[in-house]
PDB file of N, CA and C in Angstrom:
ATOM      1  N   ASP A   1     104.116  33.004 108.646  1.00  0.00           N
ATOM      2  CA  ASP A   1     105.702  33.043 108.399  1.00  0.00           C
ATOM      3  C   ASP A   1     106.221  34.482 108.097  1.00  0.00           C
ATOM      4  N   GLY A   2     107.139  34.849 108.229  1.00  0.00           N
ATOM      5  CA  GLY A   2     107.608  35.977 108.039  1.00  0.00           C
ATOM      6  C   GLY A   2     108.285  37.034 109.409  1.00  0.00           C
ATOM      7  N   TYR A   3     108.535  38.086 109.198  1.00  0.00           N
ATOM      8  CA  TYR A   3     109.188  39.204 109.911  1.00  0.00           C
ATOM      9  C   TYR A   3     108.054  39.769 110.795  1.00  0.00           C
ATOM     10  N   PHE A   4     108.659  39.913 112.006  1.00  0.00           N
ATOM     11  CA  PHE A   4     108.041  40.994 112.811  1.00  0.00           C
ATOM     12  C   PHE A   4     108.611  41.990 113.544  1.00  0.00           C
ATOM     13  N   HIS A   5     108.221  43.395 113.093  1.00  0.00           N
ATOM     14  CA  HIS A   5     108.869  44.492 113.623  1.00  0.00           C
ATOM     15  C   HIS A   5     107.933  45.236 114.724  1.00  0.00           C
ATOM     16  N   GLN A   6     108.276  45.565 115.846  1.00  0.00           N
ATOM     17  CA  GLN A   6     107.529  46.287 116.691  1.00  0.00           C
ATOM     18  C   GLN A   6     108.265  47.846 117.352  1.00  0.00           C
ATOM     19  N   VAL A   7     107.611  48.595 117.657  1.00  0.00           N
ATOM     20  CA  VAL A   7     108.189  49.761 118.290  1.00  0.00           C
ATOM     21  C   VAL A   7     107.339  49.728 119.440  1.00  0.00           C
ATOM     22  N   VAL A   8     107.480  49.779 120.910  1.00  0.00           N
ATOM     23  CA  VAL A   8     106.740  50.148 121.897  1.00  0.00           C
ATOM     24  C   VAL A   8     107.342  51.358 122.910  1.00  0.00           C
ATOM     25  N   LYS A   9     106.331  52.407 122.750  1.00  0.00           N
ATOM     26  CA  LYS A   9     106.633  53.492 123.473  1.00  0.00           C
ATOM     27  C   LYS A   9     105.879  53.593 124.998  1.00  0.00           C
ATOM     28  N   GLN A  10     106.479  53.701 125.672  1.00  0.00           N
ATOM     29  CA  GLN A  10     105.781  53.920 127.334  1.00  0.00           C
ATOM     30  C   GLN A  10     106.278  55.052 127.955  1.00  0.00           C
ATOM     31  N   CYS A  11     105.480  55.428 129.014  1.00  0.00           N
ATOM     32  CA  CYS A  11     105.788  56.857 129.502  1.00  0.00           C
ATOM     33  C   CYS A  11     105.537  55.788 131.173  1.00  0.00           C
ATOM     34  N   ARG A  12     106.516  55.787 131.862  1.00  0.00           N
ATOM     35  CA  ARG A  12     106.152  55.567 132.833  1.00  0.00           C
ATOM     36  C   ARG A  12     106.219  56.646 134.533  1.00  0.00           C
ATOM     37  N   PHE A  13     104.877  56.546 135.030  1.00  0.00           N
ATOM     38  CA  PHE A  13     104.997  57.615 135.895  1.00  0.00           C
ATOM     39  C   PHE A  13     105.262  57.173 137.391  1.00  0.00           C
ATOM     40  N   SER A  14     105.793  57.591 138.216  1.00  0.00           N
ATOM     41  CA  SER A  14     106.211  56.883 139.407  1.00  0.00           C
ATOM     42  C   SER A  14     105.902  57.833 140.536  1.00  0.00           C
ATOM     43  N   SER A  15     105.257  59.406 140.009  1.00  0.00           N
ATOM     44  CA  SER A  15     104.746  60.199 141.043  1.00  0.00           C
ATOM     45  C   SER A  15     104.014  61.346 140.360  1.00  0.00           C
ATOM     46  N   LYS A  16     103.199  62.259 141.071  1.00  0.00           N
ATOM     47  CA  LYS A  16     102.753  63.397 140.121  1.00  0.00           C
ATOM     48  C   LYS A  16     104.021  64.336 139.807  1.00  0.00           C
ATOM     49  N   ASP A  17     105.165  64.159 140.621  1.00  0.00           N
ATOM     50  CA  ASP A  17     106.017  65.340 140.164  1.00  0.00           C
ATOM     51  C   ASP A  17     106.341  64.787 138.577  1.00  0.00           C
ATOM     52  N   LEU A  18     106.676  65.864 137.302  1.00  0.00           N
ATOM     53  CA  LEU A  18     107.016  65.718 136.333  1.00  0.00           C
ATOM     54  C   LEU A  18     108.337  65.398 136.301  1.00  0.00           C
ATOM     55  N   GLN A  19     109.312  65.550 136.965  1.00  0.00           N
ATOM     56  CA  GLN A  19     110.289  65.356 137.283  1.00  0.00           C
ATOM     57  C   GLN A  19     110.427  63.730 137.565  1.00  0.00           C
ATOM     58  N   GLY A  20     109.630  62.912 137.805  1.00  0.00           N
ATOM     59  CA  GLY A  20     109.699  61.557 138.106  1.00  0.00           C
ATOM     60  C   GLY A  20     109.512  60.790 136.892  1.00  0.00           C
ATOM     61  N   ILE A  21     108.968  61.487 135.710  1.00  0.00           N
ATOM     62  CA  ILE A  21     108.492  60.734 134.414  1.00  0.00           C
ATOM     63  C   ILE A  21     109.560  59.950 133.589  1.00  0.00           C
ATOM     64  N   GLU A  22     109.553  58.965 132.854  1.00  0.00           N
ATOM     65  CA  GLU A  22     110.533  58.072 132.510  1.00  0.00           C
ATOM     66  C   GLU A  22     109.722  57.700 130.939  1.00  0.00           C
ATOM     67  N   LEU A  23     110.626  58.337 129.947  1.00  0.00           N
ATOM     68  CA  LEU A  23     110.142  57.477 128.723  1.00  0.00           C
ATOM     69  C   LEU A  23     111.069  56.362 128.135  1.00  0.00           C
ATOM     70  N   ILE A  24     110.466  55.438 127.718  1.00  0.00           N
ATOM     71  CA  ILE A  24     111.119  54.085 127.330  1.00  0.00           C
ATOM     72  C   ILE A  24     110.867  53.593 126.096  1.00  0.00           C
ATOM     73  N   ASP A  25     111.637  53.753 124.977  1.00  0.00           N
ATOM     74  CA  ASP A  25     111.349  53.380 123.757  1.00  0.00           C
ATOM     75  C   ASP A  25     111.749  52.300 123.054  1.00  0.00           C
ATOM     76  N   SER A  26     111.436  51.338 123.111  1.00  0.00           N
ATOM     77  CA  SER A  26     111.999  49.553 122.555  1.00  0.00           C
ATOM     78  C   SER A  26     111.704  49.411 121.497  1.00  0.00           C
ATOM     79  N   TYR A  27     112.891  48.855 120.385  1.00  0.00           N
ATOM     80  CA  TYR A  27     112.802  48.402 119.327  1.00  0.00           C
ATOM     81  C   TYR A  27     112.904  46.956 119.353  1.00  0.00           C
ATOM     82  N   VAL A  28     111.924  46.223 118.905  1.00  0.00           N
ATOM     83  CA  VAL A  28     111.959  44.703 118.609  1.00  0.00           C
ATOM     84  C   VAL A  28     111.819  44.240 117.371  1.00  0.00           C
ATOM     85  N   PHE A  29     112.451  43.026 116.940  1.00  0.00           N
ATOM     86  CA  PHE A  29     112.520  42.664 116.149  1.00  0.00           C
ATOM     87  C   PHE A  29     112.421  41.334 116.328  1.00  0.00           C
ATOM     88  N   ASN A  30     111.033  40.237 115.875  1.00  0.00           N
ATOM     89  CA  ASN A  30     111.111  38.491 115.964  1.00  0.00           C
ATOM     90  C   ASN A  30     111.133  38.488 117.214  1.00  0.00           C
ATOM     91  N   GLN A  31     110.335  39.144 118.297  1.00  0.00           N
ATOM     92  CA  GLN A  31     110.415  39.306 119.931  1.00  0.00           C
ATOM     93  C   GLN A  31     111.770  39.217 120.526  1.00  0.00           C
ATOM     94  N   ALA A  32     112.740  40.039 119.771  1.00  0.00           N
ATOM     95  CA  ALA A  32     113.714  40.254 120.300  1.00  0.00           C
ATOM     96  C   ALA A  32     114.256  41.481 120.433  1.00  0.00           C
ATOM     97  N   GLU A  33     114.402  42.367 121.784  1.00  0.00           N
ATOM     98  CA  GLU A  33     114.892  43.362 121.710  1.00  0.00           C
ATOM     99  C   GLU A  33     116.154  44.113 121.355  1.00  0.00           C
ATOM    100  N   TYR A  34     116.125  44.819 119.992  1.00  0.00           N
ATOM    101  CA  TYR A  34     117.490  45.174 119.880  1.00  0.00           C
ATOM    102  C   TYR A  34     118.345  46.380 119.965  1.00  0.00           C
ATOM    103  N   ILE A  35     117.270  47.429 120.293  1.00  0.00           N
ATOM    104  CA  ILE A  35     117.581  48.762 120.800  1.00  0.00           C
ATOM    105  C   ILE A  35     116.492  49.477 121.680  1.00  0.00           C
ATOM    106  N   ARG A  36     117.041  50.022 122.922  1.00  0.00           N
ATOM    107  CA  ARG A  36     116.055  51.084 123.734  1.00  0.00           C
ATOM    108  C   ARG A  36     116.937  52.307 123.998  1.00  0.00           C
ATOM    109  N   PHE A  37     115.814  53.114 123.987  1.00  0.00           N
ATOM    110  CA  PHE A  37     116.095  54.275 124.457  1.00  0.00           C
ATOM    111  C   PHE A  37     115.397  54.470 125.788  1.00  0.00           C
ATOM    112  N   ASN A  38     116.031  54.952 126.746  1.00  0.00           N
ATOM    113  CA  ASN A  38     115.628  55.256 128.221  1.00  0.00           C
ATOM    114  C   ASN A  38     115.922  56.680 128.645  1.00  0.00           C
ATOM    115  N   SER A  39     114.750  57.457 128.863  1.00  0.00           N
ATOM    116  CA  SER A  39     115.318  58.965 129.326  1.00  0.00           C
ATOM    117  C   SER A  39     116.089  59.247 130.325  1.00  0.00           C
ATOM    118  N   THR A  40     115.922  58.002 131.476  1.00  0.00           N
ATOM    119  CA  THR A  40     116.572  58.071 132.593  1.00  0.00           C
ATOM    120  C   THR A  40     117.788  57.931 132.423  1.00  0.00           C
ATOM    121  N   VAL A  41     118.442  57.162 131.539  1.00  0.00           N
ATOM    122  CA  VAL A  41     119.949  56.869 130.848  1.00  0.00           C
ATOM    123  C   VAL A  41     120.212  58.101 129.996  1.00  0.00           C
ATOM    124  N   GLY A  42     119.248  58.754 129.447  1.00  0.00           N
ATOM    125  CA  GLY A  42     119.657  59.454 128.000  1.00  0.00           C
ATOM    126  C   GLY A  42     120.292  59.432 126.861  1.00  0.00           C
ATOM    127  N   LYS A  43     120.412  58.285 126.555  1.00  0.00           N
ATOM    128  CA  LYS A  43     120.724  57.607 125.532  1.00  0.00           C
ATOM    129  C   LYS A  43     120.081  56.322 125.106  1.00  0.00           C
ATOM    130  N   TYR A  44     120.623  56.005 123.859  1.00  0.00           N
ATOM    131  CA  TYR A  44     120.297  54.538 123.284  1.00  0.00           C
ATOM    132  C   TYR A  44     121.071  53.844 123.348  1.00  0.00           C
ATOM    133  N   VAL A  45     120.275  52.325 124.308  1.00  0.00           N
ATOM    134  CA  VAL A  45     121.098  51.395 124.334  1.00  0.00           C
ATOM    135  C   VAL A  45     121.273  50.132 123.461  1.00  0.00           C
ATOM    136  N   GLY A  46     122.242  49.624 123.080  1.00  0.00           N
ATOM    137  CA  GLY A  46     121.696  48.286 122.007  1.00  0.00           C
ATOM    138  C   GLY A  46     122.140  47.265 122.594  1.00  0.00           C
ATOM    139  N   TYR A  47     121.391  46.011 122.483  1.00  0.00           N
ATOM    140  CA  TYR A  47     121.399  44.709 122.817  1.00  0.00           C
ATOM    141  C   TYR A  47     122.149  43.412 121.921  1.00  0.00           C
ATOM    142  N   THR A  48     121.783  43.638 120.355  1.00  0.00           N
ATOM    143  CA  THR A  48     122.416  42.852 119.816  1.00  0.00           C
ATOM    144  C   THR A  48     123.365  43.708 118.686  1.00  0.00           C
ATOM    145  N   GLU A  49     124.005  42.983 117.939  1.00  0.00           N
ATOM    146  CA  GLU A  49     124.742  43.740 117.137  1.00  0.00           C
ATOM    147  C   GLU A  49     124.108  44.809 116.094  1.00  0.00           C
ATOM    148  N   LEU A  50     123.448  44.551 115.532  1.00  0.00           N
ATOM    149  CA  LEU A  50     122.670  45.510 114.885  1.00  0.00           C
ATOM    150  C   LEU A  50     122.349  46.507 115.780  1.00  0.00           C
ATOM    151  N   GLY A  51     121.738  46.246 117.058  1.00  0.00           N
ATOM    152  CA  GLY A  51     121.339  47.531 117.834  1.00  0.00           C
ATOM    153  C   GLY A  51     122.799  48.057 118.594  1.00  0.00           C
ATOM    154  N   LEU A  52     123.821  47.856 118.754  1.00  0.00           N
ATOM    155  CA  LEU A  52     125.034  48.311 118.987  1.00  0.00           C
ATOM    156  C   LEU A  52     125.133  49.218 117.832  1.00  0.00           C
ATOM    157  N   LYS A  53     125.269  49.224 116.780  1.00  0.00           N
ATOM    158  CA  LYS A  53     125.471  49.881 115.705  1.00  0.00           C
ATOM    159  C   LYS A  53     124.498  50.835 115.450  1.00  0.00           C
ATOM    160  N   ASN A  54     123.371  50.650 115.323  1.00  0.00           N
ATOM    161  CA  ASN A  54     122.546  51.628 115.699  1.00  0.00           C
ATOM    162  C   ASN A  54     122.748  52.450 116.490  1.00  0.00           C
ATOM    163  N   ALA A  55     122.636  51.933 117.879  1.00  0.00           N
ATOM    164  CA  ALA A  55     122.725  52.635 119.243  1.00  0.00           C
ATOM    165  C   ALA A  55     123.821  54.126 118.904  1.00  0.00           C
ATOM    166  N   GLU A  56     124.857  53.423 118.169  1.00  0.00           N
ATOM    167  CA  GLU A  56     126.222  54.231 118.040  1.00  0.00           C
ATOM    168  C   GLU A  56     125.649  55.506 117.371  1.00  0.00           C
ATOM    169  N   ALA A  57     125.259  55.154 116.161  1.00  0.00           N
ATOM    170  CA  ALA A  57     124.978  56.345 115.328  1.00  0.00           C
ATOM    171  C   ALA A  57     123.943  57.234 115.646  1.00  0.00           C
ATOM    172  N   TRP A  58     122.517  56.820 116.354  1.00  0.00           N
ATOM    173  CA  TRP A  58     121.817  57.197 116.717  1.00  0.00           C
ATOM    174  C   TRP A  58     121.835  58.135 117.772  1.00  0.00           C
ATOM    175  N   ASN A  59     122.728  58.047 118.746  1.00  0.00           N
ATOM    176  CA  ASN A  59     123.230  58.816 119.711  1.00  0.00           C
ATOM    177  C   ASN A  59     124.314  59.995 119.261  1.00  0.00           C
ATOM    178  N   LYS A  60     124.954  59.799 118.115  1.00  0.00           N
ATOM    179  CA  LYS A  60     125.410  60.820 117.394  1.00  0.00           C
ATOM    180  C   LYS A  60     124.670  61.671 116.605  1.00  0.00           C
ATOM    181  N   GLY A  61     123.420  61.263 116.121  1.00  0.00           N
ATOM    182  CA  GLY A  61     122.666  61.975 115.237  1.00  0.00           C
ATOM    183  C   GLY A  61     121.640  62.858 115.485  1.00  0.00           C
ATOM    184  N   PRO A  62     120.415  63.106 115.073  1.00  0.00           N
ATOM    185  CA  PRO A  62     119.752  64.043 115.242  1.00  0.00           C
ATOM    186  C   PRO A  62     118.274  63.069 115.872  1.00  0.00           C
ATOM    187  N   GLU A  63     118.640  61.715 116.085  1.00  0.00           N
ATOM    188  CA  GLU A  63     117.438  61.003 116.678  1.00  0.00           C
ATOM    189  C   GLU A  63     117.338  60.910 118.221  1.00  0.00           C
ATOM    190  N   LEU A  64     118.733  61.239 118.712  1.00  0.00           N
ATOM    191  CA  LEU A  64     119.011  61.569 120.401  1.00  0.00           C
ATOM    192  C   LEU A  64     117.737  62.748 120.271  1.00  0.00           C
ATOM    193  N   ALA A  65     118.215  63.811 119.866  1.00  0.00           N
ATOM    194  CA  ALA A  65     117.548  65.060 120.250  1.00  0.00           C
ATOM    195  C   ALA A  65     115.782  64.761 119.927  1.00  0.00           C
ATOM    196  N   GLN A  66     115.314  64.056 118.984  1.00  0.00           N
ATOM    197  CA  GLN A  66     114.195  63.836 118.825  1.00  0.00           C
ATOM    198  C   GLN A  66     113.502  62.893 119.685  1.00  0.00           C
ATOM    199  N   GLU A  67     114.236  61.874 120.024  1.00  0.00           N
ATOM    200  CA  GLU A  67     113.612  61.117 121.452  1.00  0.00           C
ATOM    201  C   GLU A  67     113.579  62.230 122.999  1.00  0.00           C
ATOM    202  N   LEU A  68     114.470  62.766 122.941  1.00  0.00           N
ATOM    203  CA  LEU A  68     114.569  63.479 124.335  1.00  0.00           C
ATOM    204  C   LEU A  68     113.567  64.638 123.894  1.00  0.00           C
ATOM    205  N   GLY A  69     113.035  65.059 122.917  1.00  0.00           N
ATOM    206  CA  GLY A  69     111.791  65.744 122.733  1.00  0.00           C
ATOM    207  C   GLY A  69     110.555  64.988 122.783  1.00  0.00           C
ATOM    208  N   GLU A  70     110.408  63.814 122.786  1.00  0.00           N
ATOM    209  CA  GLU A  70     109.335  62.843 123.084  1.00  0.00           C
ATOM    210  C   GLU A  70     108.760  63.024 124.489  1.00  0.00           C
ATOM    211  N   LEU A  71     110.116  63.016 125.357  1.00  0.00           N
ATOM    212  CA  LEU A  71     109.823  63.270 126.844  1.00  0.00           C
ATOM    213  C   LEU A  71     108.669  64.277 126.922  1.00  0.00           C
ATOM    214  N   GLU A  72     109.353  65.508 126.711  1.00  0.00           N
ATOM    215  CA  GLU A  72     108.274  66.159 126.647  1.00  0.00           C
ATOM    216  C   GLU A  72     107.195  66.469 125.982  1.00  0.00           C
ATOM    217  N   ARG A  73     107.004  66.183 124.776  1.00  0.00           N
ATOM    218  CA  ARG A  73     106.013  66.313 124.079  1.00  0.00           C
ATOM    219  C   ARG A  73     105.055  65.369 124.536  1.00  0.00           C
ATOM    220  N   VAL A  74     105.229  63.949 124.620  1.00  0.00           N
ATOM    221  CA  VAL A  74     104.266  63.099 124.498  1.00  0.00           C
ATOM    222  C   VAL A  74     103.949  62.675 126.315  1.00  0.00           C
ATOM    223  N   CYS A  75     105.077  62.452 127.034  1.00  0.00           N
ATOM    224  CA  CYS A  75     104.788  61.725 128.433  1.00  0.00           C
ATOM    225  C   CYS A  75     104.337  63.191 129.687  1.00  0.00           C
ATOM    226  N   LYS A  76     105.005  64.278 129.192  1.00  0.00           N
ATOM    227  CA  LYS A  76     105.143  65.732 130.457  1.00  0.00           C
ATOM    228  C   LYS A  76     103.679  65.875 130.094  1.00  0.00           C
ATOM    229  N   GLN A  77     103.165  66.081 128.594  1.00  0.00           N
ATOM    230  CA  GLN A  77     102.076  66.918 128.228  1.00  0.00           C
ATOM    231  C   GLN A  77     100.832  65.789 128.579  1.00  0.00           C
ATOM    232  N   HIS A  78     100.871  64.969 128.424  1.00  0.00           N
ATOM    233  CA  HIS A  78      99.832  64.073 128.537  1.00  0.00           C
ATOM    234  C   HIS A  78      99.785  63.836 130.130  1.00  0.00           C
ATOM    235  N   ALA A  79     100.539  63.987 130.998  1.00  0.00           N
ATOM    236  CA  ALA A  79     100.496  63.438 132.484  1.00  0.00           C
ATOM    237  C   ALA A  79      99.362  64.021 133.082  1.00  0.00           C
ATOM    238  N   PRO A  80      98.883  64.963 133.248  1.00  0.00           N
ATOM    239  CA  PRO A  80      97.519  65.641 133.542  1.00  0.00           C
ATOM    240  C   PRO A  80      96.432  64.397 133.542  1.00  0.00           C
ATOM    241  N   ILE A  81      96.281  64.236 132.278  1.00  0.00           N
ATOM    242  CA  ILE A  81      95.101  63.451 131.883  1.00  0.00           C
ATOM    243  C   ILE A  81      95.484  61.813 132.651  1.00  0.00           C
ATOM    244  N   TYR A  82      96.294  61.384 132.481  1.00  0.00           N
ATOM    245  CA  TYR A  82      96.748  60.152 133.125  1.00  0.00           C
ATOM    246  C   TYR A  82      96.506  60.147 134.601  1.00  0.00           C
ATOM    247  N   TYR A  83      96.497  61.080 135.175  1.00  0.00           N
ATOM    248  CA  TYR A  83      96.792  61.507 136.811  1.00  0.00           C
ATOM    249  C   TYR A  83      95.408  61.710 136.997  1.00  0.00           C
ATOM    250  N   SER A  84      94.371  62.076 136.168  1.00  0.00           N
ATOM    251  CA  SER A  84      92.823  62.134 136.730  1.00  0.00           C
ATOM    252  C   SER A  84      92.325  61.177 136.348  1.00  0.00           C
ATOM    253  N   ALA A  85      93.111  60.343 135.560  1.00  0.00           N
ATOM    254  CA  ALA A  85      92.144  58.783 135.312  1.00  0.00           C
ATOM    255  C   ALA A  85      91.958  57.736 136.318  1.00  0.00           C
TER     256      ALA A  85
END
């Protein structure tokens, strides 16, 4: 009995072309996703009242630039490792 918070970061690869890589960062509280960043959309999208408020603030703040950097730093940098496996 308690609260459960989870952040799930996914790099989705559709081809070996680095332009086809998609970063999805989901924030979940008690099994309900409340906000998501999708690099294809290029911004945070909220799904609950709290998520909508966070998305509005995060899209205007440094969080958005940091998340866009994650696509380069995490997904694209590690793509050759995943493709070789």
